[in-house]
Structures are given as structure tokens and as C-alpha cells.
Amino acid sequence: VKRRSLEQAAGMTAQVARSLWTMTAGE
């Protein structure tokens, strides 16, 4: 998944942003 696609999805959907934050915090 390209970073740009993740960033766009996170900018449009709070659930995606929370999921990315949760994954990053877990790492």
C-alpha cells in the first residue's frame, strides 16, 4: 500500500487514522 494512499485515506476517515496510530504505537 503506497504511503500516499494511506495518508489520503487517513485524511478522509478517522477510523483509518486511528488504525494507523494504533499500529504505529504497537510498533
PDB file of all heavy atoms in Angstrom:
ATOM      1  N   VAL A   1       0.869  -1.170   0.000  1.00  0.00           N
ATOM      2  CA  VAL A   1       0.000   0.000   0.000  1.00  0.00           C
ATOM      3  C   VAL A   1       0.905   1.219   0.000  1.00  0.00           C
ATOM      4  O   VAL A   1       1.755   1.376   0.884  1.00  0.00           O
ATOM      5  CB  VAL A   1      -0.933   0.015   1.239  1.00  0.00           C
ATOM      6  CG1 VAL A   1      -1.804   1.259   1.228  1.00  0.00           C
ATOM      7  CG2 VAL A   1      -1.770  -1.247   1.293  1.00  0.00           C
ATOM      8  N   LYS A   2       0.754   2.060  -0.969  1.00  0.00           N
ATOM      9  CA  LYS A   2       1.585   3.256  -1.060  1.00  0.00           C
ATOM     10  C   LYS A   2       1.246   4.227   0.064  1.00  0.00           C
ATOM     11  O   LYS A   2       0.098   4.365   0.463  1.00  0.00           O
ATOM     12  CB  LYS A   2       1.412   3.922  -2.417  1.00  0.00           C
ATOM     13  CG  LYS A   2       1.929   3.055  -3.560  1.00  0.00           C
ATOM     14  CD  LYS A   2       1.940   3.826  -4.851  1.00  0.00           C
ATOM     15  CE  LYS A   2       2.449   2.966  -5.975  1.00  0.00           C
ATOM     16  NZ  LYS A   2       3.895   2.896  -6.032  1.00  0.00           N
ATOM     17  N   ARG A   3       2.273   4.868   0.582  1.00  0.00           N
ATOM     18  CA  ARG A   3       2.122   5.813   1.692  1.00  0.00           C
ATOM     19  C   ARG A   3       1.111   6.901   1.341  1.00  0.00           C
ATOM     20  O   ARG A   3       0.279   7.283   2.164  1.00  0.00           O
ATOM     21  CB  ARG A   3       3.462   6.440   2.055  1.00  0.00           C
ATOM     22  CG  ARG A   3       3.349   7.395   3.235  1.00  0.00           C
ATOM     23  CD  ARG A   3       4.676   8.010   3.636  1.00  0.00           C
ATOM     24  NE  ARG A   3       5.627   6.951   3.924  1.00  0.00           N
ATOM     25  CZ  ARG A   3       6.843   6.885   3.387  1.00  0.00           C
ATOM     26  NH1 ARG A   3       7.249   7.812   2.564  1.00  0.00           N
ATOM     27  NH2 ARG A   3       7.654   5.899   3.688  1.00  0.00           N
ATOM     28  N   ARG A   4       1.163   7.405   0.122  1.00  0.00           N
ATOM     29  CA  ARG A   4       0.244   8.475  -0.283  1.00  0.00           C
ATOM     30  C   ARG A   4      -1.209   8.025  -0.150  1.00  0.00           C
ATOM     31  O   ARG A   4      -2.066   8.775   0.302  1.00  0.00           O
ATOM     32  CB  ARG A   4       0.539   8.900  -1.718  1.00  0.00           C
ATOM     33  CG  ARG A   4      -0.317  10.052  -2.192  1.00  0.00           C
ATOM     34  CD  ARG A   4       0.149  10.515  -3.531  1.00  0.00           C
ATOM     35  NE  ARG A   4       1.594  10.701  -3.468  1.00  0.00           N
ATOM     36  CZ  ARG A   4       2.245  11.751  -3.935  1.00  0.00           C
ATOM     37  NH1 ARG A   4       1.582  12.705  -4.517  1.00  0.00           N
ATOM     38  NH2 ARG A   4       3.542  11.859  -3.840  1.00  0.00           N
ATOM     39  N   SER A   5      -1.487   6.764  -0.511  1.00  0.00           N
ATOM     40  CA  SER A   5      -2.852   6.232  -0.391  1.00  0.00           C
ATOM     41  C   SER A   5      -3.270   6.155   1.068  1.00  0.00           C
ATOM     42  O   SER A   5      -4.414   6.484   1.412  1.00  0.00           O
ATOM     43  CB  SER A   5      -2.937   4.840  -1.022  1.00  0.00           C
ATOM     44  OG  SER A   5      -2.663   4.901  -2.392  1.00  0.00           O
ATOM     45  N   LEU A   6      -2.357   5.721   1.946  1.00  0.00           N
ATOM     46  CA  LEU A   6      -2.665   5.664   3.378  1.00  0.00           C
ATOM     47  C   LEU A   6      -2.928   7.059   3.931  1.00  0.00           C
ATOM     48  O   LEU A   6      -3.857   7.265   4.708  1.00  0.00           O
ATOM     49  CB  LEU A   6      -1.520   5.017   4.156  1.00  0.00           C
ATOM     50  CG  LEU A   6      -1.417   3.514   4.099  1.00  0.00           C
ATOM     51  CD1 LEU A   6      -0.160   3.045   4.838  1.00  0.00           C
ATOM     52  CD2 LEU A   6      -2.641   2.867   4.691  1.00  0.00           C
ATOM     53  N   GLU A   7      -2.089   8.013   3.536  1.00  0.00           N
ATOM     54  CA  GLU A   7      -2.253   9.381   4.025  1.00  0.00           C
ATOM     55  C   GLU A   7      -3.590   9.967   3.575  1.00  0.00           C
ATOM     56  O   GLU A   7      -4.284  10.627   4.350  1.00  0.00           O
ATOM     57  CB  GLU A   7      -1.090  10.254   3.544  1.00  0.00           C
ATOM     58  CG  GLU A   7       0.223   9.924   4.217  1.00  0.00           C
ATOM     59  CD  GLU A   7       1.410  10.624   3.579  1.00  0.00           C
ATOM     60  OE1 GLU A   7       1.260  11.229   2.484  1.00  0.00           O
ATOM     61  OE2 GLU A   7       2.500  10.544   4.165  1.00  0.00           O
ATOM     62  N   GLN A   8      -3.966   9.713   2.326  1.00  0.00           N
ATOM     63  CA  GLN A   8      -5.247  10.221   1.826  1.00  0.00           C
ATOM     64  C   GLN A   8      -6.414   9.578   2.567  1.00  0.00           C
ATOM     65  O   GLN A   8      -7.359  10.262   2.960  1.00  0.00           O
ATOM     66  CB  GLN A   8      -5.366   9.965   0.318  1.00  0.00           C
ATOM     67  CG  GLN A   8      -4.475  10.848  -0.507  1.00  0.00           C
ATOM     68  CD  GLN A   8      -4.509  10.493  -1.987  1.00  0.00           C
ATOM     69  OE1 GLN A   8      -4.979   9.430  -2.379  1.00  0.00           O
ATOM     70  NE2 GLN A   8      -3.993  11.402  -2.819  1.00  0.00           N
ATOM     71  N   ALA A   9      -6.334   8.260   2.768  1.00  0.00           N
ATOM     72  CA  ALA A   9      -7.416   7.562   3.481  1.00  0.00           C
ATOM     73  C   ALA A   9      -7.515   8.057   4.922  1.00  0.00           C
ATOM     74  O   ALA A   9      -8.613   8.249   5.444  1.00  0.00           O
ATOM     75  CB  ALA A   9      -7.181   6.060   3.445  1.00  0.00           C
ATOM     76  N   ALA A  10      -6.365   8.272   5.568  1.00  0.00           N
ATOM     77  CA  ALA A  10      -6.363   8.752   6.954  1.00  0.00           C
ATOM     78  C   ALA A  10      -6.920  10.170   7.037  1.00  0.00           C
ATOM     79  O   ALA A  10      -7.570  10.527   8.024  1.00  0.00           O
ATOM     80  CB  ALA A  10      -4.950   8.704   7.525  1.00  0.00           C
ATOM     81  N   GLY A  11      -6.694  10.969   6.003  1.00  0.00           N
ATOM     82  CA  GLY A  11      -7.219  12.332   5.977  1.00  0.00           C
ATOM     83  C   GLY A  11      -8.722  12.382   5.783  1.00  0.00           C
ATOM     84  O   GLY A  11      -9.384  13.334   6.195  1.00  0.00           O
ATOM     85  N   MET A  12      -9.277  11.328   5.181  1.00  0.00           N
ATOM     86  CA  MET A  12     -10.717  11.315   4.902  1.00  0.00           C
ATOM     87  C   MET A  12     -11.521  10.522   5.925  1.00  0.00           C
ATOM     88  O   MET A  12     -12.713  10.759   6.080  1.00  0.00           O
ATOM     89  CB  MET A  12     -10.978  10.727   3.512  1.00  0.00           C
ATOM     90  CG  MET A  12     -10.403  11.578   2.395  1.00  0.00           C
ATOM     91  SD  MET A  12     -10.848  11.042   0.709  1.00  0.00           S
ATOM     92  CE  MET A  12     -10.476   9.322   0.714  1.00  0.00           C
ATOM     93  N   THR A  13     -10.874   9.585   6.613  1.00  0.00           N
ATOM     94  CA  THR A  13     -11.601   8.686   7.511  1.00  0.00           C
ATOM     95  C   THR A  13     -10.892   8.594   8.850  1.00  0.00           C
ATOM     96  O   THR A  13      -9.748   8.144   8.921  1.00  0.00           O
ATOM     97  CB  THR A  13     -11.711   7.268   6.890  1.00  0.00           C
ATOM     98  OG1 THR A  13     -12.232   7.390   5.573  1.00  0.00           O
ATOM     99  CG2 THR A  13     -12.587   6.372   7.717  1.00  0.00           C
ATOM    100  N   ALA A  14     -11.571   8.985   9.906  1.00  0.00           N
ATOM    101  CA  ALA A  14     -10.974   8.941  11.243  1.00  0.00           C
ATOM    102  C   ALA A  14     -10.624   7.514  11.652  1.00  0.00           C
ATOM    103  O   ALA A  14      -9.622   7.292  12.340  1.00  0.00           O
ATOM    104  CB  ALA A  14     -11.915   9.561  12.264  1.00  0.00           C
ATOM    105  N   GLN A  15     -11.402   6.541  11.225  1.00  0.00           N
ATOM    106  CA  GLN A  15     -11.134   5.149  11.589  1.00  0.00           C
ATOM    107  C   GLN A  15      -9.784   4.692  11.018  1.00  0.00           C
ATOM    108  O   GLN A  15      -9.024   4.000  11.690  1.00  0.00           O
ATOM    109  CB  GLN A  15     -12.250   4.235  11.093  1.00  0.00           C
ATOM    110  CG  GLN A  15     -12.043   2.783  11.483  1.00  0.00           C
ATOM    111  CD  GLN A  15     -13.188   1.893  11.012  1.00  0.00           C
ATOM    112  OE1 GLN A  15     -14.147   2.354  10.421  1.00  0.00           O
ATOM    113  NE2 GLN A  15     -13.064   0.614  11.282  1.00  0.00           N
ATOM    114  N   VAL A  16      -9.471   5.096   9.791  1.00  0.00           N
ATOM    115  CA  VAL A  16      -8.175   4.745   9.198  1.00  0.00           C
ATOM    116  C   VAL A  16      -7.054   5.425   9.969  1.00  0.00           C
ATOM    117  O   VAL A  16      -6.028   4.807  10.271  1.00  0.00           O
ATOM    118  CB  VAL A  16      -8.128   5.118   7.698  1.00  0.00           C
ATOM    119  CG1 VAL A  16      -6.731   4.928   7.126  1.00  0.00           C
ATOM    120  CG2 VAL A  16      -9.142   4.298   6.915  1.00  0.00           C
ATOM    121  N   ALA A  17      -7.233   6.683  10.299  1.00  0.00           N
ATOM    122  CA  ALA A  17      -6.217   7.414  11.063  1.00  0.00           C
ATOM    123  C   ALA A  17      -5.977   6.747  12.415  1.00  0.00           C
ATOM    124  O   ALA A  17      -4.835   6.580  12.844  1.00  0.00           O
ATOM    125  CB  ALA A  17      -6.639   8.869  11.249  1.00  0.00           C
ATOM    126  N   ARG A  18      -7.051   6.340  13.102  1.00  0.00           N
ATOM    127  CA  ARG A  18      -6.906   5.650  14.390  1.00  0.00           C
ATOM    128  C   ARG A  18      -6.191   4.313  14.225  1.00  0.00           C
ATOM    129  O   ARG A  18      -5.330   3.958  15.033  1.00  0.00           O
ATOM    130  CB  ARG A  18      -8.270   5.431  15.036  1.00  0.00           C
ATOM    131  CG  ARG A  18      -8.793   6.633  15.798  1.00  0.00           C
ATOM    132  CD  ARG A  18      -9.992   6.266  16.662  1.00  0.00           C
ATOM    133  NE  ARG A  18     -11.113   5.720  15.899  1.00  0.00           N
ATOM    134  CZ  ARG A  18     -12.049   6.457  15.301  1.00  0.00           C
ATOM    135  NH1 ARG A  18     -12.016   7.768  15.387  1.00  0.00           N
ATOM    136  NH2 ARG A  18     -13.026   5.882  14.628  1.00  0.00           N
ATOM    137  N   SER A  19      -6.519   3.582  13.183  1.00  0.00           N
ATOM    138  CA  SER A  19      -5.869   2.287  12.941  1.00  0.00           C
ATOM    139  C   SER A  19      -4.380   2.466  12.685  1.00  0.00           C
ATOM    140  O   SER A  19      -3.556   1.701  13.201  1.00  0.00           O
ATOM    141  CB  SER A  19      -6.513   1.574  11.750  1.00  0.00           C
ATOM    142  OG  SER A  19      -7.831   1.212  12.050  1.00  0.00           O
ATOM    143  N   LEU A  20      -4.022   3.465  11.895  1.00  0.00           N
ATOM    144  CA  LEU A  20      -2.601   3.735  11.648  1.00  0.00           C
ATOM    145  C   LEU A  20      -1.887   4.134  12.936  1.00  0.00           C
ATOM    146  O   LEU A  20      -0.767   3.700  13.197  1.00  0.00           O
ATOM    147  CB  LEU A  20      -2.437   4.824  10.592  1.00  0.00           C
ATOM    148  CG  LEU A  20      -2.757   4.415   9.162  1.00  0.00           C
ATOM    149  CD1 LEU A  20      -2.773   5.636   8.249  1.00  0.00           C
ATOM    150  CD2 LEU A  20      -1.750   3.381   8.667  1.00  0.00           C
ATOM    151  N   TRP A  21      -2.535   4.966  13.745  1.00  0.00           N
ATOM    152  CA  TRP A  21      -1.945   5.365  15.016  1.00  0.00           C
ATOM    153  C   TRP A  21      -1.757   4.148  15.926  1.00  0.00           C
ATOM    154  O   TRP A  21      -0.706   3.986  16.552  1.00  0.00           O
ATOM    155  CB  TRP A  21      -2.818   6.409  15.710  1.00  0.00           C
ATOM    156  CG  TRP A  21      -2.183   6.902  16.969  1.00  0.00           C
ATOM    157  CD1 TRP A  21      -1.296   7.929  17.090  1.00  0.00           C
ATOM    158  CD2 TRP A  21      -2.356   6.370  18.279  1.00  0.00           C
ATOM    159  NE1 TRP A  21      -0.912   8.061  18.399  1.00  0.00           N
ATOM    160  CE2 TRP A  21      -1.545   7.115  19.156  1.00  0.00           C
ATOM    161  CE3 TRP A  21      -3.119   5.327  18.801  1.00  0.00           C
ATOM    162  CZ2 TRP A  21      -1.481   6.861  20.515  1.00  0.00           C
ATOM    163  CZ3 TRP A  21      -3.041   5.071  20.157  1.00  0.00           C
ATOM    164  CH2 TRP A  21      -2.240   5.835  21.000  1.00  0.00           C
ATOM    165  N   THR A  22      -2.745   3.279  15.980  1.00  0.00           N
ATOM    166  CA  THR A  22      -2.660   2.076  16.814  1.00  0.00           C
ATOM    167  C   THR A  22      -1.530   1.165  16.351  1.00  0.00           C
ATOM    168  O   THR A  22      -0.763   0.646  17.172  1.00  0.00           O
ATOM    169  CB  THR A  22      -4.006   1.322  16.794  1.00  0.00           C
ATOM    170  OG1 THR A  22      -5.020   2.190  17.314  1.00  0.00           O
ATOM    171  CG2 THR A  22      -3.958   0.054  17.625  1.00  0.00           C
ATOM    172  N   MET A  23      -1.410   0.976  15.040  1.00  0.00           N
ATOM    173  CA  MET A  23      -0.319   0.148  14.514  1.00  0.00           C
ATOM    174  C   MET A  23       1.040   0.763  14.827  1.00  0.00           C
ATOM    175  O   MET A  23       1.980   0.068  15.240  1.00  0.00           O
ATOM    176  CB  MET A  23      -0.454  -0.032  13.007  1.00  0.00           C
ATOM    177  CG  MET A  23      -1.543  -0.996  12.607  1.00  0.00           C
ATOM    178  SD  MET A  23      -1.557  -1.305  10.836  1.00  0.00           S
ATOM    179  CE  MET A  23      -2.398   0.143  10.239  1.00  0.00           C
ATOM    180  N   THR A  24       1.159   2.064  14.656  1.00  0.00           N
ATOM    181  CA  THR A  24       2.421   2.751  14.928  1.00  0.00           C
ATOM    182  C   THR A  24       2.769   2.669  16.405  1.00  0.00           C
ATOM    183  O   THR A  24       3.923   2.402  16.768  1.00  0.00           O
ATOM    184  CB  THR A  24       2.335   4.219  14.467  1.00  0.00           C
ATOM    185  OG1 THR A  24       2.012   4.236  13.075  1.00  0.00           O
ATOM    186  CG2 THR A  24       3.636   4.948  14.689  1.00  0.00           C
ATOM    187  N   ALA A  25       1.788   2.883  17.268  1.00  0.00           N
ATOM    188  CA  ALA A  25       2.027   2.780  18.711  1.00  0.00           C
ATOM    189  C   ALA A  25       2.446   1.365  19.098  1.00  0.00           C
ATOM    190  O   ALA A  25       3.330   1.165  19.940  1.00  0.00           O
ATOM    191  CB  ALA A  25       0.781   3.207  19.488  1.00  0.00           C
ATOM    192  N   GLY A  26       1.841   0.354  18.475  1.00  0.00           N
ATOM    193  CA  GLY A  26       2.210  -1.030  18.745  1.00  0.00           C
ATOM    194  C   GLY A  26       3.641  -1.326  18.321  1.00  0.00           C
ATOM    195  O   GLY A  26       4.385  -2.020  19.028  1.00  0.00           O
ATOM    196  N   GLU A  27       4.051  -0.797  17.165  1.00  0.00           N
ATOM    197  CA  GLU A  27       5.428  -0.989  16.706  1.00  0.00           C
ATOM    198  C   GLU A  27       6.410  -0.298  17.647  1.00  0.00           C
ATOM    199  O   GLU A  27       7.486  -0.833  17.940  1.00  0.00           O
ATOM    200  CB  GLU A  27       5.598  -0.458  15.283  1.00  0.00           C
ATOM    201  CG  GLU A  27       4.923  -1.315  14.233  1.00  0.00           C
ATOM    202  CD  GLU A  27       5.561  -2.696  14.115  1.00  0.00           C
ATOM    203  OE1 GLU A  27       6.802  -2.807  14.155  1.00  0.00           O
ATOM    204  OE2 GLU A  27       4.804  -3.674  13.985  1.00  0.00           O
TER     205      GLU A  27
END
